[in-house]
Amino acid sequence: MASKNKAKSQSKDEKKQQRAERRAEKKAENEKLYQEVMEQDSVETPNEVEEPKKKNKWVKRGGIVLFVLLNAAVIYFTAANEFSKKAPEPIKFDFTNVLYLFGGILCLIIFLGCETAKYMIMMRHLGEKVSFRHAFCTAALGKYYDCITPSGAGGQPFQIYYLHSNGYSNGPASAMPLSGFFTMQFGFVILCIFAFIFGNGVVNGVLAPGIKITAYCGAVGYMIVPVMIIITGIAPKIAMRIVAFFVRIGAKLHIVKKPNHTIMRAVRYLNNYSENLKMITKDKGLLFKLLLLSVILQFAMCSMPFFAVRTFGGDIGFFRALILCIFIQSAISLILTPGNSGAAEGLFYIVFSSLGKSGTFWAMLLWRLLCYYSFIIIGVLVYGVN
């Protein structure tokens, strides 16, 4: 009996030793990867910023075709649901409807105005030439590329290239778009926290539990990149371990093919973000201004459904429409189609039609025109001019 207990004890000690050895190996591997990243980042960067690579034309065309078909399918099914039940009541347009329409357009102007103001403030702070034209074009082009790329995060490389090609130096040309993206993400997270705390009474009975859970997950998704950038700036080795942990889980699940390469790329990406953001975040007053403008522009974006629904005769309160839109925006952020297309239209229609509001289909189209297609149209015009 004693010999069996001794054997079990030895077996446990061996397993503990093996686990400790594996942890030590992973730690050494992480340390080696971290040093490689630091060595590569210390190499002098070229003076010229390369133009972002463009996709293969056939891939691009195929993506456009799928995008158009997806949007057409969603619009067809929502229209069929709207008009198949009974003949819709005629929508009477009067002066009040027109005022609500202008209210929605004003939200679009506020959004672009705040984003433009952010770039002008950053230009002045970084000692670069302050140009309304360049600030507006940077804001418009960033939103345009966000709208046409999956996950809505394709604008920063083009903004950096645009600023550099118009005479802005490398550091500020990189810092401004990254800081704009960073603060915009946090601006929406602040609205989400507000909606999740004070808006539960509004969404109960309107949103299914699954949609609410998806919205919570979407808000967490919004926070991942900004929080990881902050951790990288404060404790880079901890950030490295977090990245390595999740990448290696992905490798075990056969989602990630080259884990070490992926870890190095992710850490380098976070380091670049962190270094560029330090140019902005070291001034707390400037950071507060950027966050305030970001909250205002996100507030304007989430106010658009109220004006869209009221334009077509719907009877809904401003606070209710605002909270519902924040939940919708947060939930659809997990859908990686350009502009969250398909999910955005479908969820908007499902939520607002469940309230028994008339003209929901037309309100949905107006909302998407204001919060999505208008940015593409403005971006195309700006792109053509430049």
Protein backbone atom coordinates (compact mmCIF):
# COMPACT_ATOMS: atom_id res chain seq x y z
CA MET A 1 0.00 0.00 0.00
CA ALA A 2 2.82 2.37 0.92
CA SER A 3 4.58 1.60 -2.37
CA LYS A 4 1.38 2.43 -4.31
CA ASN A 5 1.02 5.77 -2.52
CA LYS A 6 4.66 6.50 -3.19
CA ALA A 7 4.20 5.70 -6.90
CA LYS A 8 1.13 7.98 -7.09
CA SER A 9 3.04 10.76 -5.36
CA GLN A 10 5.93 10.38 -7.82
CA SER A 11 3.46 10.40 -10.73
CA LYS A 12 1.90 13.65 -9.48
CA ASP A 13 5.32 15.22 -9.02
CA GLU A 14 6.29 14.20 -12.55
CA LYS A 15 3.11 15.74 -13.99
CA LYS A 16 3.71 18.95 -12.06
CA GLN A 17 7.26 19.05 -13.33
CA GLN A 18 6.09 18.47 -16.92
CA ARG A 19 3.53 21.29 -16.64
CA ALA A 20 6.17 23.59 -15.20
CA GLU A 21 8.53 22.70 -18.06
CA ARG A 22 5.81 23.39 -20.65
CA ARG A 23 5.07 26.76 -19.04
CA ALA A 24 8.77 27.60 -19.01
CA GLU A 25 9.06 26.62 -22.71
CA LYS A 26 6.08 28.80 -23.66
CA LYS A 27 7.46 31.68 -21.62
CA ALA A 28 10.86 31.36 -23.29
CA GLU A 29 9.21 31.15 -26.71
CA ASN A 30 7.09 34.23 -25.97
CA GLU A 31 10.19 36.10 -24.78
CA LYS A 32 12.06 35.15 -27.96
CA LEU A 33 9.16 36.28 -30.15
CA TYR A 34 8.88 39.52 -28.21
CA GLN A 35 12.59 40.26 -28.67
CA GLU A 36 12.30 39.54 -32.42
CA VAL A 37 9.39 41.97 -32.68
CA MET A 38 11.32 44.64 -30.75
CA GLU A 39 14.40 44.17 -32.93
CA GLN A 40 12.39 44.48 -36.14
CA ASP A 41 10.52 47.54 -34.83
CA SER A 42 13.81 49.22 -33.93
CA VAL A 43 14.91 49.13 -37.58
CA GLU A 44 14.52 52.56 -39.16
CA THR A 45 11.25 52.82 -41.06
CA PRO A 46 11.31 54.10 -44.65
CA ASN A 47 10.46 57.75 -45.31
CA GLU A 48 7.88 56.89 -47.91
CA VAL A 49 4.50 55.50 -46.97
CA GLU A 50 3.43 52.82 -49.42
CA GLU A 51 0.07 53.00 -51.08
CA PRO A 52 -2.28 50.35 -49.64
CA LYS A 53 -2.39 47.25 -51.77
CA LYS A 54 -5.47 46.76 -53.87
CA LYS A 55 -7.33 43.48 -54.21
CA ASN A 56 -7.31 41.33 -57.31
CA LYS A 57 -9.90 42.78 -59.70
CA TRP A 58 -11.81 39.48 -59.96
CA VAL A 59 -11.99 39.14 -56.17
CA LYS A 60 -13.13 42.74 -55.98
CA ARG A 61 -15.81 42.25 -58.65
CA GLY A 62 -17.00 39.04 -57.01
CA GLY A 63 -17.29 40.82 -53.67
CA ILE A 64 -19.30 43.64 -55.27
CA VAL A 65 -21.69 41.15 -56.90
CA LEU A 66 -22.23 39.29 -53.61
CA PHE A 67 -22.68 42.58 -51.78
CA VAL A 68 -25.35 43.76 -54.25
CA LEU A 69 -27.16 40.41 -54.20
CA LEU A 70 -27.19 40.33 -50.38
CA ASN A 71 -28.62 43.83 -50.15
CA ALA A 72 -31.19 43.14 -52.88
CA ALA A 73 -32.31 39.93 -51.12
CA VAL A 74 -32.76 41.65 -47.74
CA ILE A 75 -34.64 44.58 -49.28
CA TYR A 76 -36.86 42.19 -51.26
CA PHE A 77 -37.82 40.10 -48.21
CA THR A 78 -38.45 43.13 -45.99
CA ALA A 79 -40.56 44.76 -48.72
CA ALA A 80 -42.49 41.52 -49.26
CA ASN A 81 -43.18 41.30 -45.53
CA GLU A 82 -44.24 44.95 -45.37
CA PHE A 83 -46.62 44.96 -48.33
CA SER A 84 -47.93 41.38 -48.54
CA LYS A 85 -50.13 41.51 -45.43
CA LYS A 86 -52.36 44.42 -46.35
CA ALA A 87 -52.41 47.49 -48.49
CA PRO A 88 -50.14 50.06 -46.83
CA GLU A 89 -51.67 53.27 -45.63
CA PRO A 90 -50.72 56.25 -47.79
CA ILE A 91 -47.94 58.27 -46.21
CA LYS A 92 -48.85 61.94 -45.99
CA PHE A 93 -45.94 64.31 -46.13
CA ASP A 94 -46.37 67.65 -44.45
CA PHE A 95 -44.05 70.27 -42.99
CA THR A 96 -43.42 68.16 -39.86
CA ASN A 97 -42.25 65.16 -41.89
CA VAL A 98 -39.85 67.39 -43.82
CA LEU A 99 -38.46 68.75 -40.55
CA TYR A 100 -37.73 65.22 -39.34
CA LEU A 101 -36.03 64.47 -42.67
CA PHE A 102 -33.80 67.52 -42.20
CA GLY A 103 -33.16 66.33 -38.65
CA GLY A 104 -31.73 63.09 -40.04
CA ILE A 105 -29.58 65.00 -42.53
CA LEU A 106 -28.38 67.23 -39.68
CA CYS A 107 -27.21 64.09 -37.82
CA LEU A 108 -25.09 63.18 -40.87
CA ILE A 109 -23.62 66.71 -40.95
CA ILE A 110 -22.86 66.57 -37.20
CA PHE A 111 -21.11 63.22 -37.63
CA LEU A 112 -18.82 64.45 -40.42
CA GLY A 113 -18.35 67.82 -38.69
CA CYS A 114 -17.19 66.23 -35.44
CA GLU A 115 -14.86 63.82 -37.24
CA THR A 116 -13.41 66.70 -39.28
CA ALA A 117 -12.96 68.76 -36.09
CA LYS A 118 -11.04 65.87 -34.51
CA TYR A 119 -8.48 65.89 -37.33
CA MET A 120 -8.14 69.69 -37.26
CA ILE A 121 -7.51 69.59 -33.50
CA MET A 122 -4.90 66.84 -33.93
CA MET A 123 -3.21 68.73 -36.80
CA ARG A 124 -2.84 71.81 -34.58
CA HIS A 125 -1.62 69.79 -31.59
CA LEU A 126 1.03 67.95 -33.63
CA GLY A 127 2.34 71.15 -35.23
CA GLU A 128 1.17 70.23 -38.73
CA LYS A 129 -0.61 72.52 -41.19
CA VAL A 130 -4.27 72.89 -40.21
CA SER A 131 -6.46 72.39 -43.27
CA PHE A 132 -10.24 72.00 -43.22
CA ARG A 133 -10.10 70.41 -46.68
CA HIS A 134 -7.55 67.78 -45.69
CA ALA A 135 -9.31 67.11 -42.39
CA PHE A 136 -12.68 66.66 -44.09
CA CYS A 137 -11.25 64.47 -46.86
CA THR A 138 -9.44 62.30 -44.30
CA ALA A 139 -12.68 61.83 -42.34
CA ALA A 140 -14.74 61.14 -45.46
CA LEU A 141 -12.24 58.72 -47.02
CA GLY A 142 -11.86 56.84 -43.74
CA LYS A 143 -15.60 56.35 -43.43
CA TYR A 144 -15.87 55.42 -47.12
CA TYR A 145 -13.31 52.62 -46.83
CA ASP A 146 -14.81 51.48 -43.52
CA CYS A 147 -18.14 51.10 -45.35
CA ILE A 148 -16.78 49.04 -48.23
CA THR A 149 -14.45 46.70 -46.32
CA PRO A 150 -15.47 43.74 -44.14
CA SER A 151 -15.49 44.41 -40.37
CA GLY A 152 -15.54 48.17 -41.02
CA ALA A 153 -11.87 48.76 -40.26
CA GLY A 154 -10.29 49.38 -43.65
CA GLY A 155 -10.07 53.16 -43.59
CA GLN A 156 -6.89 53.83 -41.60
CA PRO A 157 -4.27 52.73 -44.19
CA PHE A 158 -5.89 54.92 -46.84
CA GLN A 159 -6.14 57.86 -44.44
CA ILE A 160 -2.44 57.52 -43.59
CA TYR A 161 -1.53 57.40 -47.28
CA TYR A 162 -3.75 60.41 -48.08
CA LEU A 163 -2.26 62.55 -45.29
CA HIS A 164 1.31 61.62 -46.16
CA SER A 165 0.75 62.29 -49.86
CA ASN A 166 -0.52 65.76 -48.94
CA GLY A 167 2.62 66.77 -47.08
CA TYR A 168 2.03 65.51 -43.54
CA SER A 169 5.06 63.85 -41.90
CA ASN A 170 5.15 60.11 -41.16
CA GLY A 171 4.49 60.24 -37.40
CA PRO A 172 1.46 62.55 -37.42
CA ALA A 173 0.11 60.98 -40.63
CA SER A 174 -0.02 57.64 -38.80
CA ALA A 175 -1.01 58.94 -35.37
CA MET A 176 -4.05 60.94 -36.47
CA PRO A 177 -6.07 58.16 -38.21
CA LEU A 178 -5.20 55.62 -35.51
CA SER A 179 -6.20 58.05 -32.75
CA GLY A 180 -9.38 58.89 -34.66
CA PHE A 181 -10.28 55.20 -34.87
CA PHE A 182 -9.33 54.55 -31.24
CA THR A 183 -11.46 57.39 -29.85
CA MET A 184 -14.39 56.57 -32.16
CA GLN A 185 -14.43 53.00 -30.82
CA PHE A 186 -14.40 54.23 -27.23
CA GLY A 187 -17.09 56.78 -28.01
CA PHE A 188 -19.46 54.01 -29.03
CA VAL A 189 -18.48 51.89 -26.02
CA ILE A 190 -19.45 54.81 -23.74
CA LEU A 191 -22.88 54.93 -25.42
CA CYS A 192 -23.22 51.15 -25.02
CA ILE A 193 -22.48 51.36 -21.29
CA PHE A 194 -25.12 54.10 -20.98
CA ALA A 195 -27.69 52.07 -22.95
CA PHE A 196 -27.00 48.81 -21.09
CA ILE A 197 -27.41 50.52 -17.70
CA PHE A 198 -30.34 52.85 -18.36
CA GLY A 199 -32.03 51.28 -21.40
CA ASN A 200 -32.98 47.79 -20.27
CA GLY A 201 -36.51 48.89 -19.51
CA VAL A 202 -36.83 50.19 -23.07
CA VAL A 203 -35.65 47.03 -24.84
CA ASN A 204 -37.38 44.48 -22.59
CA GLY A 205 -40.21 42.93 -24.54
CA VAL A 206 -38.92 44.41 -27.80
CA LEU A 207 -35.55 42.71 -28.28
CA ALA A 208 -35.23 38.94 -28.02
CA PRO A 209 -32.76 37.73 -25.34
CA GLY A 210 -30.47 36.45 -28.10
CA ILE A 211 -30.23 39.92 -29.67
CA LYS A 212 -29.44 41.47 -26.29
CA ILE A 213 -26.69 38.93 -25.62
CA THR A 214 -25.29 39.54 -29.11
CA ALA A 215 -25.29 43.28 -28.39
CA TYR A 216 -23.32 42.70 -25.18
CA CYS A 217 -20.82 40.56 -27.08
CA GLY A 218 -20.57 43.22 -29.79
CA ALA A 219 -19.72 45.88 -27.20
CA VAL A 220 -16.97 43.63 -25.83
CA GLY A 221 -15.71 43.20 -29.39
CA TYR A 222 -15.55 46.98 -29.78
CA MET A 223 -13.39 47.15 -26.65
CA ILE A 224 -10.90 44.40 -27.48
CA VAL A 225 -8.55 46.37 -29.75
CA PRO A 226 -8.53 49.61 -27.69
CA VAL A 227 -8.00 47.72 -24.42
CA MET A 228 -5.19 45.61 -25.93
CA ILE A 229 -3.51 48.79 -27.20
CA ILE A 230 -3.67 50.27 -23.69
CA ILE A 231 -2.22 47.07 -22.17
CA THR A 232 0.54 47.09 -24.81
CA GLY A 233 1.50 50.63 -23.83
CA ILE A 234 1.51 49.85 -20.10
CA ALA A 235 2.71 46.21 -19.97
CA PRO A 236 3.82 44.95 -23.42
CA LYS A 237 4.89 41.52 -22.19
CA ILE A 238 1.48 40.88 -20.65
CA ALA A 239 -0.13 41.88 -23.95
CA MET A 240 2.21 39.45 -25.70
CA ARG A 241 1.11 36.61 -23.42
CA ILE A 242 -2.58 37.37 -23.96
CA VAL A 243 -2.13 37.39 -27.74
CA ALA A 244 -0.05 34.20 -27.66
CA PHE A 245 -2.63 32.44 -25.47
CA PHE A 246 -5.54 33.08 -27.85
CA VAL A 247 -3.53 32.49 -31.02
CA ARG A 248 -2.33 29.10 -29.75
CA ILE A 249 -5.91 28.14 -28.89
CA GLY A 250 -6.77 29.05 -32.48
CA ALA A 251 -3.87 26.88 -33.69
CA LYS A 252 -5.13 23.90 -31.68
CA LEU A 253 -8.57 24.38 -33.23
CA HIS A 254 -6.90 24.52 -36.68
CA ILE A 255 -8.12 28.10 -37.21
CA VAL A 256 -4.62 29.64 -37.18
CA LYS A 257 -2.06 27.99 -39.46
CA LYS A 258 1.16 29.80 -38.48
CA PRO A 259 0.83 30.69 -34.79
CA ASN A 260 4.28 32.24 -34.25
CA HIS A 261 4.01 34.36 -37.39
CA THR A 262 0.51 35.45 -36.38
CA ILE A 263 1.66 36.35 -32.85
CA MET A 264 4.53 38.46 -34.23
CA ARG A 265 2.22 40.28 -36.63
CA ALA A 266 -0.39 40.94 -33.95
CA VAL A 267 2.16 42.22 -31.42
CA ARG A 268 3.84 44.42 -34.02
CA TYR A 269 0.43 45.80 -34.98
CA LEU A 270 -0.37 46.61 -31.34
CA ASN A 271 3.08 48.14 -30.77
CA ASN A 272 2.70 50.42 -33.78
CA TYR A 273 -0.74 51.47 -32.61
CA SER A 274 0.51 52.12 -29.08
CA GLU A 275 3.55 54.15 -30.18
CA ASN A 276 1.49 56.31 -32.53
CA LEU A 277 -1.23 56.87 -29.94
CA LYS A 278 1.33 58.13 -27.40
CA MET A 279 1.73 61.23 -29.57
CA ILE A 280 -1.93 62.05 -28.82
CA THR A 281 -2.74 60.46 -25.47
CA LYS A 282 0.09 62.12 -23.54
CA ASP A 283 -2.02 65.31 -23.62
CA LYS A 284 -5.03 64.47 -21.42
CA GLY A 285 -6.90 67.62 -22.45
CA LEU A 286 -6.58 66.71 -26.12
CA LEU A 287 -7.68 63.14 -25.43
CA PHE A 288 -10.78 64.41 -23.59
CA LYS A 289 -11.71 66.65 -26.56
CA LEU A 290 -11.34 63.77 -29.01
CA LEU A 291 -13.43 61.45 -26.82
CA LEU A 292 -16.12 64.11 -26.36
CA LEU A 293 -16.37 64.68 -30.12
CA SER A 294 -16.46 60.91 -30.66
CA VAL A 295 -19.36 60.51 -28.21
CA ILE A 296 -21.23 63.36 -29.95
CA LEU A 297 -20.76 61.90 -33.43
CA GLN A 298 -21.77 58.41 -32.28
CA PHE A 299 -24.80 59.96 -30.56
CA ALA A 300 -25.73 61.67 -33.84
CA MET A 301 -25.34 58.37 -35.73
CA CYS A 302 -27.58 56.51 -33.28
CA SER A 303 -30.19 59.30 -33.41
CA MET A 304 -30.83 58.72 -37.12
CA PRO A 305 -33.48 55.97 -36.66
CA PHE A 306 -35.69 58.35 -34.67
CA PHE A 307 -35.75 60.88 -37.50
CA ALA A 308 -36.13 58.14 -40.15
CA VAL A 309 -39.15 56.56 -38.42
CA ARG A 310 -40.79 59.91 -37.67
CA THR A 311 -40.26 61.08 -41.26
CA PHE A 312 -42.62 58.33 -42.43
CA GLY A 313 -45.26 58.90 -39.77
CA GLY A 314 -44.06 56.53 -37.06
CA ASP A 315 -44.79 57.45 -33.46
CA ILE A 316 -41.75 56.70 -31.32
CA GLY A 317 -39.93 58.58 -28.58
CA PHE A 318 -36.39 59.84 -29.08
CA PHE A 319 -34.90 57.99 -26.09
CA ARG A 320 -36.50 54.69 -27.10
CA ALA A 321 -35.27 54.95 -30.69
CA LEU A 322 -31.78 55.91 -29.51
CA ILE A 323 -31.46 52.95 -27.11
CA LEU A 324 -32.81 50.49 -29.68
CA CYS A 325 -30.33 51.75 -32.27
CA ILE A 326 -27.38 51.39 -29.87
CA PHE A 327 -28.39 47.76 -29.21
CA ILE A 328 -28.83 47.14 -32.96
CA GLN A 329 -25.48 48.73 -33.86
CA SER A 330 -23.70 46.76 -31.16
CA ALA A 331 -25.31 43.45 -32.18
CA ILE A 332 -24.60 43.78 -35.91
CA SER A 333 -20.95 44.75 -35.30
CA LEU A 334 -20.20 41.01 -35.12
CA ILE A 335 -21.36 40.59 -38.75
CA LEU A 336 -18.28 41.05 -40.94
CA THR A 337 -19.99 42.08 -44.17
CA PRO A 338 -19.18 45.58 -45.52
CA GLY A 339 -21.22 48.02 -43.48
CA ASN A 340 -22.83 45.06 -41.70
CA SER A 341 -25.06 44.83 -44.78
CA GLY A 342 -27.94 42.40 -44.57
CA ALA A 343 -27.89 42.19 -40.79
CA ALA A 344 -28.38 45.96 -40.37
CA GLU A 345 -31.45 46.19 -42.60
CA GLY A 346 -32.95 42.95 -41.34
CA LEU A 347 -32.55 43.70 -37.64
CA PHE A 348 -33.76 47.29 -38.00
CA TYR A 349 -36.90 46.09 -39.77
CA ILE A 350 -37.55 43.28 -37.27
CA VAL A 351 -37.17 45.58 -34.25
CA PHE A 352 -39.08 48.63 -35.44
CA SER A 353 -41.85 46.73 -37.25
CA SER A 354 -42.49 44.80 -34.01
CA LEU A 355 -43.49 48.14 -32.45
CA GLY A 356 -46.33 48.39 -34.95
CA LYS A 357 -44.93 51.48 -36.59
CA SER A 358 -46.17 52.37 -40.06
CA GLY A 359 -43.75 52.95 -42.92
CA THR A 360 -41.02 50.82 -41.33
CA PHE A 361 -39.71 49.64 -44.72
CA TRP A 362 -39.26 53.20 -45.99
CA ALA A 363 -37.78 54.25 -42.66
CA MET A 364 -35.24 51.44 -42.95
CA LEU A 365 -34.21 52.60 -46.43
CA LEU A 366 -33.86 56.21 -45.27
CA TRP A 367 -31.84 55.12 -42.23
CA ARG A 368 -29.43 53.12 -44.38
CA LEU A 369 -29.14 56.01 -46.81
CA LEU A 370 -28.20 58.35 -43.97
CA CYS A 371 -25.86 56.08 -41.98
CA TYR A 372 -24.28 54.04 -44.78
CA TYR A 373 -24.87 54.87 -48.45
CA SER A 374 -24.36 58.61 -47.92
CA PHE A 375 -20.80 57.93 -46.71
CA ILE A 376 -20.12 55.85 -49.82
CA ILE A 377 -21.49 58.60 -52.08
CA ILE A 378 -19.50 61.33 -50.30
CA GLY A 379 -16.39 59.12 -50.30
CA VAL A 380 -16.66 58.48 -54.04
CA LEU A 381 -16.95 62.23 -54.69
CA VAL A 382 -13.97 63.01 -52.45
CA TYR A 383 -11.97 60.16 -53.99
CA GLY A 384 -12.74 61.47 -57.49
CA VAL A 385 -11.74 65.04 -56.62
CA ASN A 386 -8.46 63.88 -55.05
